[in-house]
């Protein structure tokens, strides 16, 4: 499915959202399959890019999400280069703790709460899809905002360290979570991914964890599984 997202980088919409982002709304699918936005509010999938990414890079995964959803991809908060951004400055050989994502959590949470002002989205159906560091942000947002997030897709990502309190209160109780890991990943090693999955399981999530023989990316099998996972969560009729 071809999704052509609109860039929001100025004006009142940017001021309201707080983050530069791209958005795709169901009525832009095409006249033969369009779902008018007036039929909303729609579920919303917030797509969070990884370290050194931007609002453009997550759209390869948009094809896996049902066309009844609004998709938004915000730009991270810390510029690293002309077109590269990060949610939390990454230190070599150090995995960040949950508290180090506080600024990112605040930005993303405010962004989510602003969405109904701009688009026909349903805040009772908020889903997060994060790649690499973006997955860590997704988990941090869910842990810090009980009830806000209804599901998480973590793509070759990780859970921040120091989440014992979240484990003790089963902070992700019954939340659907999909985690894809690469057995040859040199950025998020398999051991880190496995430990992250164990933490998510300990938090009470309804976890589907899959390993694929690939590096720091999602291969064709992973994409197919991601699509079926979204279909189970979001398909209607």
Foldseek 3Di string as FASTA:
>chain_A
DDFDWDWDDDDPVCVLLVFTKTKTAQQPPDDVRGDDQVPDLFAEEEEEEAFFAARPPRCVLVVLADSRYMYMYTGADADDDPHTGHQADDDPPDFAALVRNVVVLVSVVSNLVSVVVPGSHDQQRYEYEYAAVGQQSVVSNQQVDPNRHQEYEYQQYAHHPDCVVLLVQLSQAAREYEYEHEPAEPPCHPVRSVVRQVSNVSSRYPYDYYYDPDYRGADPVRSVVSSVSNCVVHPDD
